[in-house]
PDB file of N, CA and C in Angstrom:
ATOM      1  N   MET A   1       0.842  -1.182   0.000  1.00  0.00           N
ATOM      2  CA  MET A   1       0.000   0.000   0.000  1.00  0.00           C
ATOM      3  C   MET A   1       0.886   1.243   0.000  1.00  0.00           C
ATOM      4  N   GLU A   2       0.705   2.076  -0.990  1.00  0.00           N
ATOM      5  CA  GLU A   2       1.491   3.298  -1.076  1.00  0.00           C
ATOM      6  C   GLU A   2       0.832   4.414  -0.287  1.00  0.00           C
ATOM      7  N   HIS A   3       1.670   5.276   0.237  1.00  0.00           N
ATOM      8  CA  HIS A   3       1.168   6.463   0.907  1.00  0.00           C
ATOM      9  C   HIS A   3       2.014   7.643   0.461  1.00  0.00           C
ATOM     10  N   PRO A   4       1.438   8.837   0.486  1.00  0.00           N
ATOM     11  CA  PRO A   4       2.202   9.998   0.028  1.00  0.00           C
ATOM     12  C   PRO A   4       3.415  10.262   0.912  1.00  0.00           C
ATOM     13  N   ILE A   5       4.448  10.782   0.297  1.00  0.00           N
ATOM     14  CA  ILE A   5       5.631  11.219   1.042  1.00  0.00           C
ATOM     15  C   ILE A   5       5.570  12.740   1.080  1.00  0.00           C
ATOM     16  N   TYR A   6       5.491  13.266   2.282  1.00  0.00           N
ATOM     17  CA  TYR A   6       5.384  14.709   2.449  1.00  0.00           C
ATOM     18  C   TYR A   6       6.748  15.296   2.771  1.00  0.00           C
ATOM     19  N   ARG A   7       6.960  16.485   2.254  1.00  0.00           N
ATOM     20  CA  ARG A   7       8.178  17.232   2.543  1.00  0.00           C
ATOM     21  C   ARG A   7       7.771  18.609   3.039  1.00  0.00           C
ATOM     22  N   ILE A   8       8.494  19.106   4.007  1.00  0.00           N
ATOM     23  CA  ILE A   8       8.264  20.467   4.477  1.00  0.00           C
ATOM     24  C   ILE A   8       9.038  21.395   3.548  1.00  0.00           C
ATOM     25  N   THR A   9       8.343  22.420   3.068  1.00  0.00           N
ATOM     26  CA  THR A   9       8.972  23.364   2.146  1.00  0.00           C
ATOM     27  C   THR A   9       9.323  24.686   2.814  1.00  0.00           C
ATOM     28  N   ASP A  10       8.636  24.998   3.916  1.00  0.00           N
ATOM     29  CA  ASP A  10       8.890  26.265   4.595  1.00  0.00           C
ATOM     30  C   ASP A  10       8.207  26.226   5.962  1.00  0.00           C
ATOM     31  N   PHE A  11       8.622  27.120   6.832  1.00  0.00           N
ATOM     32  CA  PHE A  11       7.976  27.245   8.131  1.00  0.00           C
ATOM     33  C   PHE A  11       8.231  28.648   8.657  1.00  0.00           C
ATOM     34  N   GLU A  12       7.432  29.037   9.633  1.00  0.00           N
ATOM     35  CA  GLU A  12       7.693  30.283  10.344  1.00  0.00           C
ATOM     36  C   GLU A  12       7.240  30.136  11.782  1.00  0.00           C
ATOM     37  N   ILE A  13       7.961  30.794  12.658  1.00  0.00           N
ATOM     38  CA  ILE A  13       7.584  30.836  14.068  1.00  0.00           C
ATOM     39  C   ILE A  13       6.524  31.923  14.195  1.00  0.00           C
ATOM     40  N   ILE A  14       5.331  31.550  14.701  1.00  0.00           N
ATOM     41  CA  ILE A  14       4.256  32.541  14.780  1.00  0.00           C
ATOM     42  C   ILE A  14       3.876  32.890  16.217  1.00  0.00           C
ATOM     43  N   ALA A  15       4.348  32.121  17.183  1.00  0.00           N
ATOM     44  CA  ALA A  15       4.108  32.362  18.606  1.00  0.00           C
ATOM     45  C   ALA A  15       5.061  31.451  19.369  1.00  0.00           C
ATOM     46  N   PRO A  16       5.189  31.629  20.687  1.00  0.00           N
ATOM     47  CA  PRO A  16       6.047  30.713  21.440  1.00  0.00           C
ATOM     48  C   PRO A  16       5.633  29.252  21.213  1.00  0.00           C
ATOM     49  N   TYR A  17       6.586  28.439  20.821  1.00  0.00           N
ATOM     50  CA  TYR A  17       6.412  27.001  20.580  1.00  0.00           C
ATOM     51  C   TYR A  17       5.452  26.680  19.434  1.00  0.00           C
ATOM     52  N   THR A  18       5.084  27.667  18.656  1.00  0.00           N
ATOM     53  CA  THR A  18       4.084  27.475  17.602  1.00  0.00           C
ATOM     54  C   THR A  18       4.671  27.816  16.239  1.00  0.00           C
ATOM     55  N   LEU A  19       4.512  26.862  15.318  1.00  0.00           N
ATOM     56  CA  LEU A  19       5.032  27.024  13.971  1.00  0.00           C
ATOM     57  C   LEU A  19       3.925  26.878  12.940  1.00  0.00           C
ATOM     58  N   ARG A  20       4.020  27.663  11.886  1.00  0.00           N
ATOM     59  CA  ARG A  20       3.210  27.440  10.688  1.00  0.00           C
ATOM     60  C   ARG A  20       4.116  26.692   9.730  1.00  0.00           C
ATOM     61  N   ILE A  21       3.688  25.513   9.307  1.00  0.00           N
ATOM     62  CA  ILE A  21       4.519  24.621   8.497  1.00  0.00           C
ATOM     63  C   ILE A  21       3.833  24.416   7.149  1.00  0.00           C
ATOM     64  N   LYS A  22       4.596  24.610   6.069  1.00  0.00           N
ATOM     65  CA  LYS A  22       4.075  24.428   4.716  1.00  0.00           C
ATOM     66  C   LYS A  22       4.678  23.169   4.108  1.00  0.00           C
ATOM     67  N   PHE A  23       3.843  22.458   3.346  1.00  0.00           N
ATOM     68  CA  PHE A  23       4.227  21.169   2.775  1.00  0.00           C
ATOM     69  C   PHE A  23       4.222  21.210   1.253  1.00  0.00           C
ATOM     70  N   ASN A  24       4.868  20.215   0.663  1.00  0.00           N
ATOM     71  CA  ASN A  24       5.004  20.148  -0.782  1.00  0.00           C
ATOM     72  C   ASN A  24       3.699  19.881  -1.525  1.00  0.00           C
ATOM     73  N   ASP A  25       2.624  19.591  -0.817  1.00  0.00           N
ATOM     74  CA  ASP A  25       1.326  19.412  -1.478  1.00  0.00           C
ATOM     75  C   ASP A  25       0.460  20.666  -1.341  1.00  0.00           C
ATOM     76  N   ALA A  26       1.099  21.794  -1.010  1.00  0.00           N
ATOM     77  CA  ALA A  26       0.445  23.111  -0.895  1.00  0.00           C
ATOM     78  C   ALA A  26      -0.482  23.225   0.314  1.00  0.00           C
ATOM     79  N   THR A  27      -0.337  22.322   1.287  1.00  0.00           N
ATOM     80  CA  THR A  27      -1.100  22.437   2.525  1.00  0.00           C
ATOM     81  C   THR A  27      -0.202  23.023   3.600  1.00  0.00           C
ATOM     82  N   GLU A  28      -0.813  23.390   4.701  1.00  0.00           N
ATOM     83  CA  GLU A  28      -0.038  23.877   5.833  1.00  0.00           C
ATOM     84  C   GLU A  28      -0.740  23.504   7.126  1.00  0.00           C
ATOM     85  N   GLN A  29       0.049  23.460   8.185  1.00  0.00           N
ATOM     86  CA  GLN A  29      -0.454  23.186   9.529  1.00  0.00           C
ATOM     87  C   GLN A  29       0.113  24.238  10.465  1.00  0.00           C
ATOM     88  N   VAL A  30      -0.686  24.653  11.428  1.00  0.00           N
ATOM     89  CA  VAL A  30      -0.195  25.468  12.528  1.00  0.00           C
ATOM     90  C   VAL A  30      -0.183  24.550  13.735  1.00  0.00           C
ATOM     91  N   ILE A  31       1.011  24.364  14.327  1.00  0.00           N
ATOM     92  CA  ILE A  31       1.165  23.412  15.418  1.00  0.00           C
ATOM     93  C   ILE A  31       1.790  24.098  16.619  1.00  0.00           C
ATOM     94  N   ASN A  32       1.119  23.936  17.763  1.00  0.00           N
ATOM     95  CA  ASN A  32       1.678  24.356  19.045  1.00  0.00           C
ATOM     96  C   ASN A  32       2.377  23.123  19.618  1.00  0.00           C
ATOM     97  N   PHE A  33       3.688  23.161  19.666  1.00  0.00           N
ATOM     98  CA  PHE A  33       4.478  22.017  20.113  1.00  0.00           C
ATOM     99  C   PHE A  33       4.575  21.907  21.635  1.00  0.00           C
ATOM    100  N   GLU A  34       4.179  22.931  22.359  1.00  0.00           N
ATOM    101  CA  GLU A  34       4.390  22.934  23.809  1.00  0.00           C
ATOM    102  C   GLU A  34       3.844  21.687  24.510  1.00  0.00           C
ATOM    103  N   PRO A  35       2.656  21.187  24.166  1.00  0.00           N
ATOM    104  CA  PRO A  35       2.148  20.002  24.880  1.00  0.00           C
ATOM    105  C   PRO A  35       2.981  18.730  24.697  1.00  0.00           C
ATOM    106  N   ILE A  36       3.843  18.699  23.700  1.00  0.00           N
ATOM    107  CA  ILE A  36       4.613  17.472  23.467  1.00  0.00           C
ATOM    108  C   ILE A  36       6.089  17.626  23.815  1.00  0.00           C
ATOM    109  N   LEU A  37       6.447  18.718  24.439  1.00  0.00           N
ATOM    110  CA  LEU A  37       7.858  18.934  24.767  1.00  0.00           C
ATOM    111  C   LEU A  37       8.195  18.282  26.098  1.00  0.00           C
ATOM    112  N   HIS A  38       8.288  16.963  26.055  1.00  0.00           N
ATOM    113  CA  HIS A  38       8.588  16.131  27.220  1.00  0.00           C
ATOM    114  C   HIS A  38       9.593  15.071  26.806  1.00  0.00           C
ATOM    115  N   GLY A  39      10.221  14.477  27.776  1.00  0.00           N
ATOM    116  CA  GLY A  39      11.136  13.377  27.504  1.00  0.00           C
ATOM    117  C   GLY A  39      12.540  13.853  27.172  1.00  0.00           C
ATOM    118  N   GLU A  40      13.391  12.886  26.923  1.00  0.00           N
ATOM    119  CA  GLU A  40      14.816  13.141  26.716  1.00  0.00           C
ATOM    120  C   GLU A  40      15.102  13.954  25.453  1.00  0.00           C
ATOM    121  N   ILE A  41      14.388  13.678  24.389  1.00  0.00           N
ATOM    122  CA  ILE A  41      14.642  14.373  23.123  1.00  0.00           C
ATOM    123  C   ILE A  41      13.887  15.697  23.042  1.00  0.00           C
ATOM    124  N   TYR A  42      12.596  15.683  23.323  1.00  0.00           N
ATOM    125  CA  TYR A  42      11.780  16.882  23.130  1.00  0.00           C
ATOM    126  C   TYR A  42      11.757  17.801  24.348  1.00  0.00           C
ATOM    127  N   GLY A  43      12.009  17.285  25.543  1.00  0.00           N
ATOM    128  CA  GLY A  43      11.996  18.093  26.763  1.00  0.00           C
ATOM    129  C   GLY A  43      12.913  19.303  26.715  1.00  0.00           C
ATOM    130  N   PRO A  44      14.147  19.159  26.218  1.00  0.00           N
ATOM    131  CA  PRO A  44      15.036  20.327  26.160  1.00  0.00           C
ATOM    132  C   PRO A  44      14.483  21.483  25.322  1.00  0.00           C
ATOM    133  N   LEU A  45      13.552  21.180  24.406  1.00  0.00           N
ATOM    134  CA  LEU A  45      12.986  22.227  23.566  1.00  0.00           C
ATOM    135  C   LEU A  45      12.035  23.148  24.332  1.00  0.00           C
ATOM    136  N   ARG A  46      11.765  22.833  25.601  1.00  0.00           N
ATOM    137  CA  ARG A  46      10.977  23.748  26.435  1.00  0.00           C
ATOM    138  C   ARG A  46      11.748  25.049  26.665  1.00  0.00           C
ATOM    139  N   ASP A  47      13.067  24.995  26.491  1.00  0.00           N
ATOM    140  CA  ASP A  47      13.883  26.208  26.490  1.00  0.00           C
ATOM    141  C   ASP A  47      13.571  26.913  25.174  1.00  0.00           C
ATOM    142  N   LEU A  48      12.858  28.024  25.265  1.00  0.00           N
ATOM    143  CA  LEU A  48      12.388  28.705  24.061  1.00  0.00           C
ATOM    144  C   LEU A  48      13.540  29.136  23.154  1.00  0.00           C
ATOM    145  N   THR A  49      14.674  29.464  23.741  1.00  0.00           N
ATOM    146  CA  THR A  49      15.839  29.834  22.929  1.00  0.00           C
ATOM    147  C   THR A  49      16.263  28.662  22.051  1.00  0.00           C
ATOM    148  N   LEU A  50      16.276  27.453  22.617  1.00  0.00           N
ATOM    149  CA  LEU A  50      16.613  26.264  21.840  1.00  0.00           C
ATOM    150  C   LEU A  50      15.511  25.964  20.824  1.00  0.00           C
ATOM    151  N   PHE A  51      14.255  26.034  21.251  1.00  0.00           N
ATOM    152  CA  PHE A  51      13.153  25.758  20.326  1.00  0.00           C
ATOM    153  C   PHE A  51      13.235  26.659  19.097  1.00  0.00           C
ATOM    154  N   ASN A  52      13.541  27.918  19.320  1.00  0.00           N
ATOM    155  CA  ASN A  52      13.585  28.886  18.218  1.00  0.00           C
ATOM    156  C   ASN A  52      14.776  28.702  17.283  1.00  0.00           C
ATOM    157  N   GLN A  53      15.660  27.754  17.579  1.00  0.00           N
ATOM    158  CA  GLN A  53      16.778  27.440  16.688  1.00  0.00           C
ATOM    159  C   GLN A  53      16.392  26.386  15.648  1.00  0.00           C
ATOM    160  N   VAL A  54      15.107  26.115  15.531  1.00  0.00           N
ATOM    161  CA  VAL A  54      14.604  25.160  14.545  1.00  0.00           C
ATOM    162  C   VAL A  54      15.058  25.582  13.152  1.00  0.00           C
ATOM    163  N   ARG A  55      15.325  24.569  12.327  1.00  0.00           N
ATOM    164  CA  ARG A  55      15.694  24.850  10.948  1.00  0.00           C
ATOM    165  C   ARG A  55      15.124  23.753  10.057  1.00  0.00           C
ATOM    166  N   LEU A  56      15.090  24.030   8.793  1.00  0.00           N
ATOM    167  CA  LEU A  56      14.614  23.063   7.813  1.00  0.00           C
ATOM    168  C   LEU A  56      15.816  22.322   7.242  1.00  0.00           C
ATOM    169  N   ASP A  57      15.850  21.017   7.454  1.00  0.00           N
ATOM    170  CA  ASP A  57      16.939  20.208   6.920  1.00  0.00           C
ATOM    171  C   ASP A  57      16.717  20.048   5.412  1.00  0.00           C
ATOM    172  N   PRO A  58      17.655  20.518   4.579  1.00  0.00           N
ATOM    173  CA  PRO A  58      17.454  20.477   3.129  1.00  0.00           C
ATOM    174  C   PRO A  58      17.527  19.073   2.529  1.00  0.00           C
ATOM    175  N   GLU A  59      18.107  18.146   3.258  1.00  0.00           N
ATOM    176  CA  GLU A  59      18.234  16.786   2.726  1.00  0.00           C
ATOM    177  C   GLU A  59      16.995  15.942   2.993  1.00  0.00           C
ATOM    178  N   VAL A  60      16.494  15.999   4.224  1.00  0.00           N
ATOM    179  CA  VAL A  60      15.341  15.149   4.580  1.00  0.00           C
ATOM    180  C   VAL A  60      14.029  15.930   4.635  1.00  0.00           C
ATOM    181  N   HIS A  61      14.095  17.234   4.432  1.00  0.00           N
ATOM    182  CA  HIS A  61      12.903  18.080   4.320  1.00  0.00           C
ATOM    183  C   HIS A  61      11.998  18.008   5.534  1.00  0.00           C
ATOM    184  N   THR A  62      12.616  18.067   6.705  1.00  0.00           N
ATOM    185  CA  THR A  62      11.854  18.130   7.935  1.00  0.00           C
ATOM    186  C   THR A  62      12.490  19.148   8.863  1.00  0.00           C
ATOM    187  N   LEU A  63      11.799  19.426   9.968  1.00  0.00           N
ATOM    188  CA  LEU A  63      12.297  20.367  10.952  1.00  0.00           C
ATOM    189  C   LEU A  63      13.269  19.654  11.875  1.00  0.00           C
ATOM    190  N   VAL A  64      14.377  20.313  12.176  1.00  0.00           N
ATOM    191  CA  VAL A  64      15.374  19.754  13.081  1.00  0.00           C
ATOM    192  C   VAL A  64      15.844  20.842  14.041  1.00  0.00           C
ATOM    193  N   TRP A  65      16.309  20.395  15.197  1.00  0.00           N
ATOM    194  CA  TRP A  65      16.821  21.288  16.226  1.00  0.00           C
ATOM    195  C   TRP A  65      18.263  20.906  16.546  1.00  0.00           C
ATOM    196  N   PRO A  66      19.014  21.821  17.178  1.00  0.00           N
ATOM    197  CA  PRO A  66      20.425  21.543  17.486  1.00  0.00           C
ATOM    198  C   PRO A  66      20.656  20.316  18.365  1.00  0.00           C
ATOM    199  N   ASN A  67      19.653  19.894  19.138  1.00  0.00           N
ATOM    200  CA  ASN A  67      19.832  18.714  19.991  1.00  0.00           C
ATOM    201  C   ASN A  67      19.439  17.421  19.263  1.00  0.00           C
ATOM    202  N   ASP A  68      19.297  17.491  17.939  1.00  0.00           N
ATOM    203  CA  ASP A  68      18.938  16.355  17.074  1.00  0.00           C
ATOM    204  C   ASP A  68      17.478  15.945  17.161  1.00  0.00           C
ATOM    205  N   ALA A  69      16.645  16.723  17.828  1.00  0.00           N
ATOM    206  CA  ALA A  69      15.204  16.446  17.815  1.00  0.00           C
ATOM    207  C   ALA A  69      14.676  16.723  16.410  1.00  0.00           C
ATOM    208  N   ASP A  70      13.733  15.907  15.981  1.00  0.00           N
ATOM    209  CA  ASP A  70      13.065  16.129  14.704  1.00  0.00           C
ATOM    210  C   ASP A  70      11.717  15.415  14.731  1.00  0.00           C
ATOM    211  N   PHE A  71      10.943  15.615  13.694  1.00  0.00           N
ATOM    212  CA  PHE A  71       9.640  14.980  13.567  1.00  0.00           C
ATOM    213  C   PHE A  71       9.487  14.477  12.140  1.00  0.00           C
ATOM    214  N   ASP A  72       8.770  13.389  11.989  1.00  0.00           N
ATOM    215  CA  ASP A  72       8.460  12.864  10.669  1.00  0.00           C
ATOM    216  C   ASP A  72       7.539  13.869   9.973  1.00  0.00           C
ATOM    217  N   PRO A  73       7.877  14.308   8.749  1.00  0.00           N
ATOM    218  CA  PRO A  73       7.006  15.255   8.059  1.00  0.00           C
ATOM    219  C   PRO A  73       5.573  14.746   7.892  1.00  0.00           C
ATOM    220  N   ALA A  74       5.396  13.441   7.730  1.00  0.00           N
ATOM    221  CA  ALA A  74       4.041  12.888   7.587  1.00  0.00           C
ATOM    222  C   ALA A  74       3.239  13.091   8.868  1.00  0.00           C
ATOM    223  N   ASP A  75       3.881  12.944  10.030  1.00  0.00           N
ATOM    224  CA  ASP A  75       3.185  13.193  11.295  1.00  0.00           C
ATOM    225  C   ASP A  75       2.748  14.648  11.385  1.00  0.00           C
ATOM    226  N   LEU A  76       3.629  15.562  11.015  1.00  0.00           N
ATOM    227  CA  LEU A  76       3.286  16.974  11.082  1.00  0.00           C
ATOM    228  C   LEU A  76       2.190  17.321  10.072  1.00  0.00           C
ATOM    229  N   HIS A  77       2.259  16.718   8.905  1.00  0.00           N
ATOM    230  CA  HIS A  77       1.238  16.941   7.879  1.00  0.00           C
ATOM    231  C   HIS A  77      -0.139  16.490   8.371  1.00  0.00           C
ATOM    232  N   ASP A  78      -0.172  15.362   9.044  1.00  0.00           N
ATOM    233  CA  ASP A  78      -1.438  14.781   9.506  1.00  0.00           C
ATOM    234  C   ASP A  78      -1.737  15.121  10.961  1.00  0.00           C
ATOM    235  N   TRP A  79      -1.142  16.168  11.481  1.00  0.00           N
ATOM    236  CA  TRP A  79      -1.217  16.513  12.889  1.00  0.00           C
ATOM    237  C   TRP A  79      -2.637  16.511  13.459  1.00  0.00           C
ATOM    238  N   PRO A  80      -3.640  17.086  12.810  1.00  0.00           N
ATOM    239  CA  PRO A  80      -4.980  17.074  13.416  1.00  0.00           C
ATOM    240  C   PRO A  80      -5.496  15.665  13.721  1.00  0.00           C
ATOM    241  N   GLU A  81      -5.099  14.700  12.917  1.00  0.00           N
ATOM    242  CA  GLU A  81      -5.564  13.324  13.120  1.00  0.00           C
ATOM    243  C   GLU A  81      -4.771  12.580  14.199  1.00  0.00           C
ATOM    244  N   ILE A  82      -3.510  12.959  14.409  1.00  0.00           N
ATOM    245  CA  ILE A  82      -2.672  12.188  15.331  1.00  0.00           C
ATOM    246  C   ILE A  82      -2.323  12.927  16.615  1.00  0.00           C
ATOM    247  N   GLU A  83      -2.665  14.201  16.710  1.00  0.00           N
ATOM    248  CA  GLU A  83      -2.218  15.030  17.834  1.00  0.00           C
ATOM    249  C   GLU A  83      -2.545  14.418  19.197  1.00  0.00           C
ATOM    250  N   LYS A  84      -3.776  14.021  19.411  1.00  0.00           N
ATOM    251  CA  LYS A  84      -4.171  13.502  20.720  1.00  0.00           C
ATOM    252  C   LYS A  84      -3.353  12.265  21.097  1.00  0.00           C
ATOM    253  N   GLY A  85      -3.240  11.312  20.197  1.00  0.00           N
ATOM    254  CA  GLY A  85      -2.469  10.108  20.475  1.00  0.00           C
ATOM    255  C   GLY A  85      -0.993  10.392  20.670  1.00  0.00           C
ATOM    256  N   PHE A  86      -0.460  11.333  19.903  1.00  0.00           N
ATOM    257  CA  PHE A  86       0.952  11.693  20.029  1.00  0.00           C
ATOM    258  C   PHE A  86       1.215  12.301  21.397  1.00  0.00           C
ATOM    259  N   ILE A  87       0.334  13.209  21.830  1.00  0.00           N
ATOM    260  CA  ILE A  87       0.486  13.837  23.145  1.00  0.00           C
ATOM    261  C   ILE A  87       0.420  12.789  24.246  1.00  0.00           C
ATOM    262  N   GLU A  88      -0.533  11.871  24.167  1.00  0.00           N
ATOM    263  CA  GLU A  88      -0.655  10.814  25.180  1.00  0.00           C
ATOM    264  C   GLU A  88       0.604   9.952  25.209  1.00  0.00           C
ATOM    265  N   HIS A  89       1.120   9.630  24.037  1.00  0.00           N
ATOM    266  CA  HIS A  89       2.324   8.798  23.957  1.00  0.00           C
ATOM    267  C   HIS A  89       3.519   9.518  24.589  1.00  0.00           C
ATOM    268  N   ILE A  90       3.723  10.760  24.239  1.00  0.00           N
ATOM    269  CA  ILE A  90       4.847  11.533  24.761  1.00  0.00           C
ATOM    270  C   ILE A  90       4.732  11.676  26.282  1.00  0.00           C
ATOM    271  N   ARG A  91       3.558  11.961  26.768  1.00  0.00           N
ATOM    272  CA  ARG A  91       3.377  12.130  28.213  1.00  0.00           C
ATOM    273  C   ARG A  91       3.577  10.830  28.976  1.00  0.00           C
ATOM    274  N   SER A  92       3.369   9.702  28.315  1.00  0.00           N
ATOM    275  CA  SER A  92       3.593   8.423  28.991  1.00  0.00           C
ATOM    276  C   SER A  92       5.063   8.228  29.318  1.00  0.00           C
ATOM    277  N   TRP A  93       5.943   8.914  28.604  1.00  0.00           N
ATOM    278  CA  TRP A  93       7.366   8.816  28.877  1.00  0.00           C
ATOM    279  C   TRP A  93       7.691   9.353  30.260  1.00  0.00           C
ATOM    280  N   GLU A  94       6.905  10.329  30.738  1.00  0.00           N
ATOM    281  CA  GLU A  94       7.171  10.912  32.042  1.00  0.00           C
ATOM    282  C   GLU A  94       6.846   9.950  33.184  1.00  0.00           C
ATOM    283  N   THR A  95       5.892   9.056  32.950  1.00  0.00           N
ATOM    284  CA  THR A  95       5.486   8.125  34.005  1.00  0.00           C
ATOM    285  C   THR A  95       6.235   6.806  33.928  1.00  0.00           C
ATOM    286  N   ALA A  96       7.004   6.626  32.854  1.00  0.00           N
ATOM    287  CA  ALA A  96       7.740   5.363  32.695  1.00  0.00           C
ATOM    288  C   ALA A  96       8.994   5.344  33.533  1.00  0.00           C
TER     289      ALA A  96
END
């Protein structure tokens, strides 16, 4: 079963922890990342200075941070459908 491969083409910081992300299929998502900034990889991004160092990796076409945190572009593209489950999963790391 084939599924589309999404690439991030651009982004902008529009509020603390919030990005507007544009994709290669001409869609965009506005995502507030604050609820998922937990755990070993994403927790350090609660430092807004670090979070704001986000950049677009030109090779893999996704968002990356200096601490090697990143997200699958398909997850970000489909964020409205997966947000609740993603947040629950990330928060479970705190209780593990």
